[in-house]
Amino acid sequence: MANLISLTTHSDKRGALTVLEKVLDFDIKRIYYIYNVDDSTRGGHRHKTTKQAAICIAGSCDIFVNNGREQKTFYLDSPDKCLVLETEDWHTMQNFSKHAILLVVASENFDQADYIFEPYENN
């Protein structure tokens, strides 16, 4: 099941710097971000081999996760919260706040054949 981790943040009078280093169990091969989302639901899939980590670096959003055994909704509202998604995690992203930016890092390059769109029966 997906898990939420706290990223190391260094803050002083100049601002904050959050680090994504030595906390993921995969090498990053792809980085993308989602923004300017209306009231649509994004995602709706899981992967055969790709693991991902999602960070809402501005604003907030919800990520619903179902691994076939349990379901949970994660609220991302801070750039120091990182949601690690396993391959088994069928997920959707919704309820994006205005100006939200969801940064996603992935263990694999894009491959359409890696996607499984059918939800688990308990969705």
PDB file of N, CA and C in Angstrom:
ATOM      1  N   MET A   1       0.851  -1.185   0.000  1.00  0.00           N
ATOM      2  CA  MET A   1       0.000   0.000   0.000  1.00  0.00           C
ATOM      3  C   MET A   1       0.886   1.234   0.000  1.00  0.00           C
ATOM      4  N   ALA A   2       0.422   2.246  -0.648  1.00  0.00           N
ATOM      5  CA  ALA A   2       1.122   3.527  -0.677  1.00  0.00           C
ATOM      6  C   ALA A   2       1.400   3.995   0.741  1.00  0.00           C
ATOM      7  N   ASN A   3       2.485   4.728   0.902  1.00  0.00           N
ATOM      8  CA  ASN A   3       2.769   5.294   2.215  1.00  0.00           C
ATOM      9  C   ASN A   3       3.251   6.728   2.089  1.00  0.00           C
ATOM     10  N   LEU A   4       2.896   7.503   3.087  1.00  0.00           N
ATOM     11  CA  LEU A   4       3.237   8.922   3.131  1.00  0.00           C
ATOM     12  C   LEU A   4       4.503   9.086   3.954  1.00  0.00           C
ATOM     13  N   ILE A   5       5.506   9.761   3.382  1.00  0.00           N
ATOM     14  CA  ILE A   5       6.737  10.024   4.119  1.00  0.00           C
ATOM     15  C   ILE A   5       6.947  11.529   4.221  1.00  0.00           C
ATOM     16  N   SER A   6       7.660  11.929   5.249  1.00  0.00           N
ATOM     17  CA  SER A   6       8.011  13.334   5.429  1.00  0.00           C
ATOM     18  C   SER A   6       9.399  13.561   4.855  1.00  0.00           C
ATOM     19  N   LEU A   7       9.525  14.592   4.047  1.00  0.00           N
ATOM     20  CA  LEU A   7      10.811  14.930   3.455  1.00  0.00           C
ATOM     21  C   LEU A   7      11.549  15.915   4.354  1.00  0.00           C
ATOM     22  N   THR A   8      12.855  15.817   4.349  1.00  0.00           N
ATOM     23  CA  THR A   8      13.684  16.732   5.137  1.00  0.00           C
ATOM     24  C   THR A   8      13.558  18.143   4.582  1.00  0.00           C
ATOM     25  N   THR A   9      13.280  19.088   5.472  1.00  0.00           N
ATOM     26  CA  THR A   9      13.159  20.488   5.082  1.00  0.00           C
ATOM     27  C   THR A   9      14.074  21.328   5.951  1.00  0.00           C
ATOM     28  N   HIS A  10      14.802  22.203   5.299  1.00  0.00           N
ATOM     29  CA  HIS A  10      15.686  23.152   5.988  1.00  0.00           C
ATOM     30  C   HIS A  10      15.064  24.539   5.827  1.00  0.00           C
ATOM     31  N   SER A  11      14.834  25.219   6.937  1.00  0.00           N
ATOM     32  CA  SER A  11      14.194  26.542   6.892  1.00  0.00           C
ATOM     33  C   SER A  11      15.010  27.543   7.687  1.00  0.00           C
ATOM     34  N   ASP A  12      15.036  28.743   7.179  1.00  0.00           N
ATOM     35  CA  ASP A  12      15.593  29.875   7.918  1.00  0.00           C
ATOM     36  C   ASP A  12      14.902  31.139   7.421  1.00  0.00           C
ATOM     37  N   LYS A  13      15.412  32.282   7.772  1.00  0.00           N
ATOM     38  CA  LYS A  13      14.741  33.543   7.418  1.00  0.00           C
ATOM     39  C   LYS A  13      14.634  33.754   5.905  1.00  0.00           C
ATOM     40  N   ARG A  14      15.454  33.054   5.124  1.00  0.00           N
ATOM     41  CA  ARG A  14      15.443  33.196   3.667  1.00  0.00           C
ATOM     42  C   ARG A  14      14.367  32.357   3.002  1.00  0.00           C
ATOM     43  N   GLY A  15      13.831  31.371   3.732  1.00  0.00           N
ATOM     44  CA  GLY A  15      12.822  30.491   3.154  1.00  0.00           C
ATOM     45  C   GLY A  15      13.078  29.044   3.517  1.00  0.00           C
ATOM     46  N   ALA A  16      12.529  28.157   2.712  1.00  0.00           N
ATOM     47  CA  ALA A  16      12.626  26.723   2.988  1.00  0.00           C
ATOM     48  C   ALA A  16      13.176  25.987   1.770  1.00  0.00           C
ATOM     49  N   LEU A  17      13.892  24.908   2.051  1.00  0.00           N
ATOM     50  CA  LEU A  17      14.438  24.042   1.021  1.00  0.00           C
ATOM     51  C   LEU A  17      14.109  22.607   1.437  1.00  0.00           C
ATOM     52  N   THR A  18      13.337  21.916   0.615  1.00  0.00           N
ATOM     53  CA  THR A  18      12.955  20.533   0.901  1.00  0.00           C
ATOM     54  C   THR A  18      13.723  19.616  -0.034  1.00  0.00           C
ATOM     55  N   VAL A  19      14.225  18.514   0.538  1.00  0.00           N
ATOM     56  CA  VAL A  19      15.135  17.621  -0.186  1.00  0.00           C
ATOM     57  C   VAL A  19      14.484  16.257  -0.417  1.00  0.00           C
ATOM     58  N   LEU A  20      14.554  15.792  -1.663  1.00  0.00           N
ATOM     59  CA  LEU A  20      14.131  14.435  -2.017  1.00  0.00           C
ATOM     60  C   LEU A  20      15.409  13.656  -2.321  1.00  0.00           C
ATOM     61  N   GLU A  21      15.964  13.041  -1.271  1.00  0.00           N
ATOM     62  CA  GLU A  21      17.261  12.379  -1.401  1.00  0.00           C
ATOM     63  C   GLU A  21      17.330  11.203  -0.439  1.00  0.00           C
ATOM     64  N   LYS A  22      17.712  10.050  -0.951  1.00  0.00           N
ATOM     65  CA  LYS A  22      17.928   8.844  -0.149  1.00  0.00           C
ATOM     66  C   LYS A  22      16.692   8.400   0.624  1.00  0.00           C
ATOM     67  N   VAL A  23      15.502   8.634   0.070  1.00  0.00           N
ATOM     68  CA  VAL A  23      14.272   8.192   0.737  1.00  0.00           C
ATOM     69  C   VAL A  23      13.436   7.267  -0.140  1.00  0.00           C
ATOM     70  N   LEU A  24      13.767   7.162  -1.417  1.00  0.00           N
ATOM     71  CA  LEU A  24      13.023   6.303  -2.339  1.00  0.00           C
ATOM     72  C   LEU A  24      13.819   5.025  -2.603  1.00  0.00           C
ATOM     73  N   ASP A  25      13.109   3.931  -2.806  1.00  0.00           N
ATOM     74  CA  ASP A  25      13.786   2.668  -3.083  1.00  0.00           C
ATOM     75  C   ASP A  25      13.926   2.415  -4.590  1.00  0.00           C
ATOM     76  N   PHE A  26      13.925   3.503  -5.362  1.00  0.00           N
ATOM     77  CA  PHE A  26      14.112   3.386  -6.810  1.00  0.00           C
ATOM     78  C   PHE A  26      14.878   4.589  -7.336  1.00  0.00           C
ATOM     79  N   ASP A  27      15.529   4.375  -8.470  1.00  0.00           N
ATOM     80  CA  ASP A  27      16.187   5.467  -9.179  1.00  0.00           C
ATOM     81  C   ASP A  27      15.135   6.211  -9.990  1.00  0.00           C
ATOM     82  N   ILE A  28      15.288   7.506 -10.098  1.00  0.00           N
ATOM     83  CA  ILE A  28      14.324   8.332 -10.829  1.00  0.00           C
ATOM     84  C   ILE A  28      14.706   8.359 -12.309  1.00  0.00           C
ATOM     85  N   LYS A  29      13.752   7.931 -13.149  1.00  0.00           N
ATOM     86  CA  LYS A  29      13.968   7.955 -14.603  1.00  0.00           C
ATOM     87  C   LYS A  29      13.052   8.944 -15.305  1.00  0.00           C
ATOM     88  N   ARG A  30      12.014   9.402 -14.615  1.00  0.00           N
ATOM     89  CA  ARG A  30      11.045  10.304 -15.241  1.00  0.00           C
ATOM     90  C   ARG A  30      10.508  11.262 -14.191  1.00  0.00           C
ATOM     91  N   ILE A  31      10.344  12.513 -14.585  1.00  0.00           N
ATOM     92  CA  ILE A  31       9.768  13.540 -13.723  1.00  0.00           C
ATOM     93  C   ILE A  31       8.708  14.279 -14.529  1.00  0.00           C
ATOM     94  N   TYR A  32       7.532  14.453 -13.934  1.00  0.00           N
ATOM     95  CA  TYR A  32       6.495  15.251 -14.580  1.00  0.00           C
ATOM     96  C   TYR A  32       5.679  15.955 -13.507  1.00  0.00           C
ATOM     97  N   TYR A  33       4.917  16.955 -13.913  1.00  0.00           N
ATOM     98  CA  TYR A  33       4.047  17.636 -12.969  1.00  0.00           C
ATOM     99  C   TYR A  33       2.716  17.942 -13.616  1.00  0.00           C
ATOM    100  N   ILE A  34       1.693  17.951 -12.765  1.00  0.00           N
ATOM    101  CA  ILE A  34       0.307  18.154 -13.190  1.00  0.00           C
ATOM    102  C   ILE A  34      -0.162  19.462 -12.579  1.00  0.00           C
ATOM    103  N   TYR A  35      -0.772  20.326 -13.402  1.00  0.00           N
ATOM    104  CA  TYR A  35      -1.221  21.627 -12.901  1.00  0.00           C
ATOM    105  C   TYR A  35      -2.352  22.144 -13.781  1.00  0.00           C
ATOM    106  N   ASN A  36      -2.957  23.246 -13.372  1.00  0.00           N
ATOM    107  CA  ASN A  36      -4.112  23.825 -14.073  1.00  0.00           C
ATOM    108  C   ASN A  36      -5.242  22.811 -14.227  1.00  0.00           C
ATOM    109  N   VAL A  37      -5.449  21.995 -13.208  1.00  0.00           N
ATOM    110  CA  VAL A  37      -6.479  20.967 -13.256  1.00  0.00           C
ATOM    111  C   VAL A  37      -7.821  21.583 -12.881  1.00  0.00           C
ATOM    112  N   ASP A  38      -8.840  21.285 -13.676  1.00  0.00           N
ATOM    113  CA  ASP A  38     -10.191  21.746 -13.346  1.00  0.00           C
ATOM    114  C   ASP A  38     -10.778  20.771 -12.311  1.00  0.00           C
ATOM    115  N   ASP A  39     -12.043  20.502 -12.346  1.00  0.00           N
ATOM    116  CA  ASP A  39     -12.630  19.585 -11.369  1.00  0.00           C
ATOM    117  C   ASP A  39     -12.558  18.125 -11.831  1.00  0.00           C
ATOM    118  N   SER A  40     -11.700  17.843 -12.787  1.00  0.00           N
ATOM    119  CA  SER A  40     -11.531  16.488 -13.312  1.00  0.00           C
ATOM    120  C   SER A  40     -10.802  15.586 -12.325  1.00  0.00           C
ATOM    121  N   THR A  41     -10.997  14.293 -12.513  1.00  0.00           N
ATOM    122  CA  THR A  41     -10.221  13.286 -11.810  1.00  0.00           C
ATOM    123  C   THR A  41      -9.137  12.797 -12.753  1.00  0.00           C
ATOM    124  N   ARG A  42      -7.909  12.777 -12.272  1.00  0.00           N
ATOM    125  CA  ARG A  42      -6.764  12.324 -13.072  1.00  0.00           C
ATOM    126  C   ARG A  42      -6.377  10.921 -12.633  1.00  0.00           C
ATOM    127  N   GLY A  43      -5.526  10.280 -13.405  1.00  0.00           N
ATOM    128  CA  GLY A  43      -5.046   8.946 -13.051  1.00  0.00           C
ATOM    129  C   GLY A  43      -6.033   7.885 -13.482  1.00  0.00           C
ATOM    130  N   GLY A  44      -6.395   7.005 -12.551  1.00  0.00           N
ATOM    131  CA  GLY A  44      -7.287   5.902 -12.865  1.00  0.00           C
ATOM    132  C   GLY A  44      -6.528   4.724 -13.443  1.00  0.00           C
ATOM    133  N   HIS A  45      -5.392   4.384 -12.815  1.00  0.00           N
ATOM    134  CA  HIS A  45      -4.574   3.277 -13.296  1.00  0.00           C
ATOM    135  C   HIS A  45      -3.586   2.847 -12.211  1.00  0.00           C
ATOM    136  N   ARG A  46      -2.935   1.752 -12.484  1.00  0.00           N
ATOM    137  CA  ARG A  46      -1.773   1.300 -11.720  1.00  0.00           C
ATOM    138  C   ARG A  46      -0.742   0.855 -12.741  1.00  0.00           C
ATOM    139  N   HIS A  47       0.367   0.325 -12.282  1.00  0.00           N
ATOM    140  CA  HIS A  47       1.449  -0.018 -13.199  1.00  0.00           C
ATOM    141  C   HIS A  47       1.931  -1.446 -12.998  1.00  0.00           C
ATOM    142  N   LYS A  48       2.514  -1.990 -14.038  1.00  0.00           N
ATOM    143  CA  LYS A  48       3.127  -3.313 -13.955  1.00  0.00           C
ATOM    144  C   LYS A  48       4.496  -3.238 -13.292  1.00  0.00           C
ATOM    145  N   THR A  49       5.286  -2.212 -13.630  1.00  0.00           N
ATOM    146  CA  THR A  49       6.647  -2.115 -13.087  1.00  0.00           C
ATOM    147  C   THR A  49       6.992  -0.758 -12.476  1.00  0.00           C
ATOM    148  N   THR A  50       6.281   0.290 -12.816  1.00  0.00           N
ATOM    149  CA  THR A  50       6.646   1.634 -12.378  1.00  0.00           C
ATOM    150  C   THR A  50       6.208   1.922 -10.949  1.00  0.00           C
ATOM    151  N   LYS A  51       7.161   2.412 -10.153  1.00  0.00           N
ATOM    152  CA  LYS A  51       6.863   2.966  -8.844  1.00  0.00           C
ATOM    153  C   LYS A  51       6.910   4.482  -8.995  1.00  0.00           C
ATOM    154  N   GLN A  52       6.155   5.200  -8.159  1.00  0.00           N
ATOM    155  CA  GLN A  52       6.108   6.648  -8.260  1.00  0.00           C
ATOM    156  C   GLN A  52       6.125   7.285  -6.875  1.00  0.00           C
ATOM    157  N   ALA A  53       6.502   8.547  -6.848  1.00  0.00           N
ATOM    158  CA  ALA A  53       6.407   9.358  -5.633  1.00  0.00           C
ATOM    159  C   ALA A  53       5.768  10.678  -6.038  1.00  0.00           C
ATOM    160  N   ALA A  54       4.738  11.096  -5.294  1.00  0.00           N
ATOM    161  CA  ALA A  54       3.975  12.311  -5.617  1.00  0.00           C
ATOM    162  C   ALA A  54       4.118  13.329  -4.497  1.00  0.00           C
ATOM    163  N   ILE A  55       4.380  14.575  -4.895  1.00  0.00           N
ATOM    164  CA  ILE A  55       4.536  15.678  -3.945  1.00  0.00           C
ATOM    165  C   ILE A  55       3.733  16.858  -4.479  1.00  0.00           C
ATOM    166  N   CYS A  56       2.800  17.362  -3.687  1.00  0.00           N
ATOM    167  CA  CYS A  56       2.053  18.548  -4.094  1.00  0.00           C
ATOM    168  C   CYS A  56       2.889  19.758  -3.670  1.00  0.00           C
ATOM    169  N   ILE A  57       3.653  20.286  -4.608  1.00  0.00           N
ATOM    170  CA  ILE A  57       4.598  21.353  -4.265  1.00  0.00           C
ATOM    171  C   ILE A  57       3.928  22.717  -4.126  1.00  0.00           C
ATOM    172  N   ALA A  58       2.692  22.829  -4.581  1.00  0.00           N
ATOM    173  CA  ALA A  58       1.896  24.048  -4.370  1.00  0.00           C
ATOM    174  C   ALA A  58       0.437  23.625  -4.263  1.00  0.00           C
ATOM    175  N   GLY A  59      -0.308  24.261  -3.399  1.00  0.00           N
ATOM    176  CA  GLY A  59      -1.722  23.938  -3.246  1.00  0.00           C
ATOM    177  C   GLY A  59      -1.929  22.592  -2.588  1.00  0.00           C
ATOM    178  N   SER A  60      -3.029  21.928  -2.981  1.00  0.00           N
ATOM    179  CA  SER A  60      -3.360  20.643  -2.379  1.00  0.00           C
ATOM    180  C   SER A  60      -4.155  19.782  -3.353  1.00  0.00           C
ATOM    181  N   CYS A  61      -4.189  18.488  -3.061  1.00  0.00           N
ATOM    182  CA  CYS A  61      -5.012  17.546  -3.816  1.00  0.00           C
ATOM    183  C   CYS A  61      -5.185  16.274  -2.997  1.00  0.00           C
ATOM    184  N   ASP A  62      -6.138  15.457  -3.402  1.00  0.00           N
ATOM    185  CA  ASP A  62      -6.361  14.148  -2.798  1.00  0.00           C
ATOM    186  C   ASP A  62      -5.889  13.074  -3.760  1.00  0.00           C
ATOM    187  N   ILE A  63      -5.295  12.016  -3.213  1.00  0.00           N
ATOM    188  CA  ILE A  63      -4.953  10.862  -4.023  1.00  0.00           C
ATOM    189  C   ILE A  63      -5.604   9.643  -3.378  1.00  0.00           C
ATOM    190  N   PHE A  64      -6.538   9.045  -4.120  1.00  0.00           N
ATOM    191  CA  PHE A  64      -7.211   7.830  -3.681  1.00  0.00           C
ATOM    192  C   PHE A  64      -6.391   6.646  -4.151  1.00  0.00           C
ATOM    193  N   VAL A  65      -6.144   5.694  -3.244  1.00  0.00           N
ATOM    194  CA  VAL A  65      -5.326   4.528  -3.563  1.00  0.00           C
ATOM    195  C   VAL A  65      -6.075   3.256  -3.163  1.00  0.00           C
ATOM    196  N   ASN A  66      -6.035   2.271  -4.060  1.00  0.00           N
ATOM    197  CA  ASN A  66      -6.611   0.953  -3.800  1.00  0.00           C
ATOM    198  C   ASN A  66      -5.590  -0.080  -4.271  1.00  0.00           C
ATOM    199  N   ASN A  67      -5.123  -0.936  -3.362  1.00  0.00           N
ATOM    200  CA  ASN A  67      -4.155  -1.958  -3.758  1.00  0.00           C
ATOM    201  C   ASN A  67      -4.784  -3.340  -3.911  1.00  0.00           C
ATOM    202  N   GLY A  68      -6.109  -3.386  -3.929  1.00  0.00           N
ATOM    203  CA  GLY A  68      -6.809  -4.650  -4.060  1.00  0.00           C
ATOM    204  C   GLY A  68      -7.173  -5.274  -2.731  1.00  0.00           C
ATOM    205  N   ARG A  69      -6.537  -4.808  -1.658  1.00  0.00           N
ATOM    206  CA  ARG A  69      -6.822  -5.307  -0.317  1.00  0.00           C
ATOM    207  C   ARG A  69      -7.378  -4.216   0.589  1.00  0.00           C
ATOM    208  N   GLU A  70      -6.891  -3.009   0.394  1.00  0.00           N
ATOM    209  CA  GLU A  70      -7.377  -1.872   1.186  1.00  0.00           C
ATOM    210  C   GLU A  70      -7.430  -0.622   0.322  1.00  0.00           C
ATOM    211  N   GLN A  71      -8.222   0.345   0.777  1.00  0.00           N
ATOM    212  CA  GLN A  71      -8.393   1.620   0.083  1.00  0.00           C
ATOM    213  C   GLN A  71      -8.134   2.745   1.063  1.00  0.00           C
ATOM    214  N   LYS A  72      -7.525   3.806   0.556  1.00  0.00           N
ATOM    215  CA  LYS A  72      -7.229   4.948   1.416  1.00  0.00           C
ATOM    216  C   LYS A  72      -7.101   6.202   0.559  1.00  0.00           C
ATOM    217  N   THR A  73      -7.523   7.332   1.097  1.00  0.00           N
ATOM    218  CA  THR A  73      -7.337   8.612   0.434  1.00  0.00           C
ATOM    219  C   THR A  73      -6.297   9.407   1.209  1.00  0.00           C
ATOM    220  N   PHE A  74      -5.299   9.905   0.490  1.00  0.00           N
ATOM    221  CA  PHE A  74      -4.223  10.704   1.069  1.00  0.00           C
ATOM    222  C   PHE A  74      -4.425  12.159   0.659  1.00  0.00           C
ATOM    223  N   TYR A  75      -4.289  13.066   1.617  1.00  0.00           N
ATOM    224  CA  TYR A  75      -4.418  14.501   1.367  1.00  0.00           C
ATOM    225  C   TYR A  75      -3.015  15.090   1.334  1.00  0.00           C
ATOM    226  N   LEU A  76      -2.630  15.591   0.178  1.00  0.00           N
ATOM    227  CA  LEU A  76      -1.319  16.224   0.028  1.00  0.00           C
ATOM    228  C   LEU A  76      -1.504  17.729   0.030  1.00  0.00           C
ATOM    229  N   ASP A  77      -0.918  18.381   1.002  1.00  0.00           N
ATOM    230  CA  ASP A  77      -1.108  19.826   1.143  1.00  0.00           C
ATOM    231  C   ASP A  77       0.160  20.560   1.557  1.00  0.00           C
ATOM    232  N   SER A  78       1.301  19.918   1.405  1.00  0.00           N
ATOM    233  CA  SER A  78       2.552  20.525   1.814  1.00  0.00           C
ATOM    234  C   SER A  78       3.682  19.924   0.994  1.00  0.00           C
ATOM    235  N   PRO A  79       4.665  20.730   0.586  1.00  0.00           N
ATOM    236  CA  PRO A  79       5.752  20.204  -0.231  1.00  0.00           C
ATOM    237  C   PRO A  79       6.706  19.287   0.520  1.00  0.00           C
ATOM    238  N   ASP A  80       6.507  19.098   1.817  1.00  0.00           N
ATOM    239  CA  ASP A  80       7.352  18.142   2.539  1.00  0.00           C
ATOM    240  C   ASP A  80       6.656  16.798   2.750  1.00  0.00           C
ATOM    241  N   LYS A  81       5.455  16.625   2.163  1.00  0.00           N
ATOM    242  CA  LYS A  81       4.758  15.341   2.190  1.00  0.00           C
ATOM    243  C   LYS A  81       4.979  14.644   0.854  1.00  0.00           C
ATOM    244  N   CYS A  82       5.431  13.404   0.914  1.00  0.00           N
ATOM    245  CA  CYS A  82       5.707  12.635  -0.300  1.00  0.00           C
ATOM    246  C   CYS A  82       4.934  11.330  -0.220  1.00  0.00           C
ATOM    247  N   LEU A  83       4.065  11.080  -1.186  1.00  0.00           N
ATOM    248  CA  LEU A  83       3.299   9.839  -1.243  1.00  0.00           C
ATOM    249  C   LEU A  83       4.004   8.876  -2.186  1.00  0.00           C
ATOM    250  N   VAL A  84       4.471   7.752  -1.646  1.00  0.00           N
ATOM    251  CA  VAL A  84       5.147   6.739  -2.446  1.00  0.00           C
ATOM    252  C   VAL A  84       4.109   5.710  -2.886  1.00  0.00           C
ATOM    253  N   LEU A  85       3.954   5.567  -4.195  1.00  0.00           N
ATOM    254  CA  LEU A  85       2.981   4.647  -4.795  1.00  0.00           C
ATOM    255  C   LEU A  85       3.689   3.408  -5.311  1.00  0.00           C
ATOM    256  N   GLU A  86       3.225   2.245  -4.858  1.00  0.00           N
ATOM    257  CA  GLU A  86       3.772   0.966  -5.324  1.00  0.00           C
ATOM    258  C   GLU A  86       3.097   0.583  -6.638  1.00  0.00           C
ATOM    259  N   THR A  87       3.656  -0.391  -7.327  1.00  0.00           N
ATOM    260  CA  THR A  87       3.095  -0.813  -8.610  1.00  0.00           C
ATOM    261  C   THR A  87       1.655  -1.280  -8.470  1.00  0.00           C
ATOM    262  N   GLU A  88       1.305  -1.903  -7.360  1.00  0.00           N
ATOM    263  CA  GLU A  88      -0.040  -2.454  -7.148  1.00  0.00           C
ATOM    264  C   GLU A  88      -1.089  -1.395  -6.843  1.00  0.00           C
ATOM    265  N   ASP A  89      -0.670  -0.155  -6.640  1.00  0.00           N
ATOM    266  CA  ASP A  89      -1.567   0.909  -6.182  1.00  0.00           C
ATOM    267  C   ASP A  89      -2.334   1.554  -7.332  1.00  0.00           C
ATOM    268  N   TRP A  90      -3.577   1.085  -7.555  1.00  0.00           N
ATOM    269  CA  TRP A  90      -4.473   1.752  -8.503  1.00  0.00           C
ATOM    270  C   TRP A  90      -4.843   3.079  -7.854  1.00  0.00           C
ATOM    271  N   HIS A  91      -4.697   4.181  -8.588  1.00  0.00           N
ATOM    272  CA  HIS A  91      -4.871   5.487  -7.946  1.00  0.00           C
ATOM    273  C   HIS A  91      -5.562   6.503  -8.856  1.00  0.00           C
ATOM    274  N   THR A  92      -6.237   7.442  -8.195  1.00  0.00           N
ATOM    275  CA  THR A  92      -6.805   8.606  -8.870  1.00  0.00           C
ATOM    276  C   THR A  92      -6.387   9.840  -8.087  1.00  0.00           C
ATOM    277  N   MET A  93      -6.320  10.955  -8.795  1.00  0.00           N
ATOM    278  CA  MET A  93      -5.966  12.233  -8.186  1.00  0.00           C
ATOM    279  C   MET A  93      -7.109  13.200  -8.454  1.00  0.00           C
ATOM    280  N   GLN A  94      -7.593  13.867  -7.410  1.00  0.00           N
ATOM    281  CA  GLN A  94      -8.735  14.754  -7.560  1.00  0.00           C
ATOM    282  C   GLN A  94      -8.707  15.852  -6.506  1.00  0.00           C
ATOM    283  N   ASN A  95      -9.713  16.709  -6.573  1.00  0.00           N
ATOM    284  CA  ASN A  95      -9.866  17.826  -5.622  1.00  0.00           C
ATOM    285  C   ASN A  95      -8.639  18.731  -5.593  1.00  0.00           C
ATOM    286  N   PHE A  96      -8.127  19.036  -6.765  1.00  0.00           N
ATOM    287  CA  PHE A  96      -6.982  19.944  -6.865  1.00  0.00           C
ATOM    288  C   PHE A  96      -7.429  21.355  -6.484  1.00  0.00           C
ATOM    289  N   SER A  97      -6.683  21.981  -5.611  1.00  0.00           N
ATOM    290  CA  SER A  97      -6.968  23.383  -5.282  1.00  0.00           C
ATOM    291  C   SER A  97      -6.501  24.260  -6.444  1.00  0.00           C
ATOM    292  N   LYS A  98      -6.984  25.480  -6.442  1.00  0.00           N
ATOM    293  CA  LYS A  98      -6.544  26.426  -7.458  1.00  0.00           C
ATOM    294  C   LYS A  98      -5.033  26.618  -7.314  1.00  0.00           C
ATOM    295  N   HIS A  99      -4.336  26.614  -8.402  1.00  0.00           N
ATOM    296  CA  HIS A  99      -2.879  26.789  -8.457  1.00  0.00           C
ATOM    297  C   HIS A  99      -2.093  25.599  -7.903  1.00  0.00           C
ATOM    298  N   ALA A 100      -2.744  24.445  -7.735  1.00  0.00           N
ATOM    299  CA  ALA A 100      -2.027  23.255  -7.265  1.00  0.00           C
ATOM    300  C   ALA A 100      -1.049  22.772  -8.334  1.00  0.00           C
ATOM    301  N   ILE A 101       0.102  22.292  -7.866  1.00  0.00           N
ATOM    302  CA  ILE A 101       1.089  21.665  -8.742  1.00  0.00           C
ATOM    303  C   ILE A 101       1.495  20.355  -8.082  1.00  0.00           C
ATOM    304  N   LEU A 102       1.216  19.252  -8.763  1.00  0.00           N
ATOM    305  CA  LEU A 102       1.568  17.925  -8.263  1.00  0.00           C
ATOM    306  C   LEU A 102       2.775  17.424  -9.037  1.00  0.00           C
ATOM    307  N   LEU A 103       3.897  17.292  -8.352  1.00  0.00           N
ATOM    308  CA  LEU A 103       5.132  16.794  -8.932  1.00  0.00           C
ATOM    309  C   LEU A 103       5.186  15.286  -8.730  1.00  0.00           C
ATOM    310  N   VAL A 104       5.512  14.549  -9.798  1.00  0.00           N
ATOM    311  CA  VAL A 104       5.604  13.098  -9.711  1.00  0.00           C
ATOM    312  C   VAL A 104       6.951  12.653 -10.270  1.00  0.00           C
ATOM    313  N   VAL A 105       7.634  11.793  -9.518  1.00  0.00           N
ATOM    314  CA  VAL A 105       8.858  11.173 -10.006  1.00  0.00           C
ATOM    315  C   VAL A 105       8.574   9.686 -10.161  1.00  0.00           C
ATOM    316  N   ALA A 106       9.130   9.088 -11.208  1.00  0.00           N
ATOM    317  CA  ALA A 106       8.820   7.696 -11.531  1.00  0.00           C
ATOM    318  C   ALA A 106      10.089   6.877 -11.736  1.00  0.00           C
ATOM    319  N   SER A 107       9.973   5.596 -11.442  1.00  0.00           N
ATOM    320  CA  SER A 107      11.111   4.683 -11.548  1.00  0.00           C
ATOM    321  C   SER A 107      11.405   4.255 -12.984  1.00  0.00           C
ATOM    322  N   GLU A 108      10.447   4.474 -13.885  1.00  0.00           N
ATOM    323  CA  GLU A 108      10.605   4.021 -15.265  1.00  0.00           C
ATOM    324  C   GLU A 108      10.236   5.131 -16.240  1.00  0.00           C
ATOM    325  N   ASN A 109      10.755   5.055 -17.437  1.00  0.00           N
ATOM    326  CA  ASN A 109      10.338   5.948 -18.505  1.00  0.00           C
ATOM    327  C   ASN A 109       8.917   5.594 -18.917  1.00  0.00           C
ATOM    328  N   PHE A 110       8.232   6.513 -19.585  1.00  0.00           N
ATOM    329  CA  PHE A 110       6.864   6.257 -20.022  1.00  0.00           C
ATOM    330  C   PHE A 110       6.810   5.066 -20.963  1.00  0.00           C
ATOM    331  N   ASP A 111       5.839   4.173 -20.697  1.00  0.00           N
ATOM    332  CA  ASP A 111       5.583   3.027 -21.557  1.00  0.00           C
ATOM    333  C   ASP A 111       4.105   2.699 -21.428  1.00  0.00           C
ATOM    334  N   GLN A 112       3.344   2.933 -22.472  1.00  0.00           N
ATOM    335  CA  GLN A 112       1.897   2.697 -22.440  1.00  0.00           C
ATOM    336  C   GLN A 112       1.563   1.262 -22.023  1.00  0.00           C
ATOM    337  N   ALA A 113       2.407   0.313 -22.363  1.00  0.00           N
ATOM    338  CA  ALA A 113       2.161  -1.093 -22.024  1.00  0.00           C
ATOM    339  C   ALA A 113       2.298  -1.367 -20.526  1.00  0.00           C
ATOM    340  N   ASP A 114       2.861  -0.430 -19.765  1.00  0.00           N
ATOM    341  CA  ASP A 114       3.044  -0.593 -18.321  1.00  0.00           C
ATOM    342  C   ASP A 114       1.773  -0.259 -17.531  1.00  0.00           C
ATOM    343  N   TYR A 115       0.783   0.351 -18.183  1.00  0.00           N
ATOM    344  CA  TYR A 115      -0.421   0.820 -17.498  1.00  0.00           C
ATOM    345  C   TYR A 115      -1.489  -0.264 -17.412  1.00  0.00           C
ATOM    346  N   ILE A 116      -2.133  -0.357 -16.252  1.00  0.00           N
ATOM    347  CA  ILE A 116      -3.298  -1.222 -16.054  1.00  0.00           C
ATOM    348  C   ILE A 116      -4.444  -0.293 -15.647  1.00  0.00           C
ATOM    349  N   PHE A 117      -5.425  -0.132 -16.523  1.00  0.00           N
ATOM    350  CA  PHE A 117      -6.500   0.816 -16.280  1.00  0.00           C
ATOM    351  C   PHE A 117      -7.682   0.222 -15.525  1.00  0.00           C
ATOM    352  N   GLU A 118      -7.859  -1.089 -15.578  1.00  0.00           N
ATOM    353  CA  GLU A 118      -8.992  -1.706 -14.915  1.00  0.00           C
ATOM    354  C   GLU A 118      -8.844  -1.606 -13.411  1.00  0.00           C
ATOM    355  N   PRO A 119      -9.841  -1.068 -12.716  1.00  0.00           N
ATOM    356  CA  PRO A 119      -9.759  -1.001 -11.259  1.00  0.00           C
ATOM    357  C   PRO A 119      -9.947  -2.377 -10.631  1.00  0.00           C
ATOM    358  N   TYR A 120      -9.517  -2.498  -9.401  1.00  0.00           N
ATOM    359  CA  TYR A 120      -9.792  -3.719  -8.647  1.00  0.00           C
ATOM    360  C   TYR A 120     -11.303  -3.826  -8.455  1.00  0.00           C
ATOM    361  N   GLU A 121     -11.790  -5.018  -8.228  1.00  0.00           N
ATOM    362  CA  GLU A 121     -13.228  -5.218  -8.062  1.00  0.00           C
ATOM    363  C   GLU A 121     -13.781  -4.510  -6.841  1.00  0.00           C
ATOM    364  N   ASN A 122     -12.950  -4.243  -5.837  1.00  0.00           N
ATOM    365  CA  ASN A 122     -13.443  -3.571  -4.632  1.00  0.00           C
ATOM    366  C   ASN A 122     -13.393  -2.052  -4.739  1.00  0.00           C
ATOM    367  N   ASN A 123     -13.142  -1.505  -5.941  1.00  0.00           N
ATOM    368  CA  ASN A 123     -13.156  -0.037  -6.130  1.00  0.00           C
ATOM    369  C   ASN A 123     -14.560   0.507  -6.003  1.00  0.00           C
TER     370      ASN A 123
END
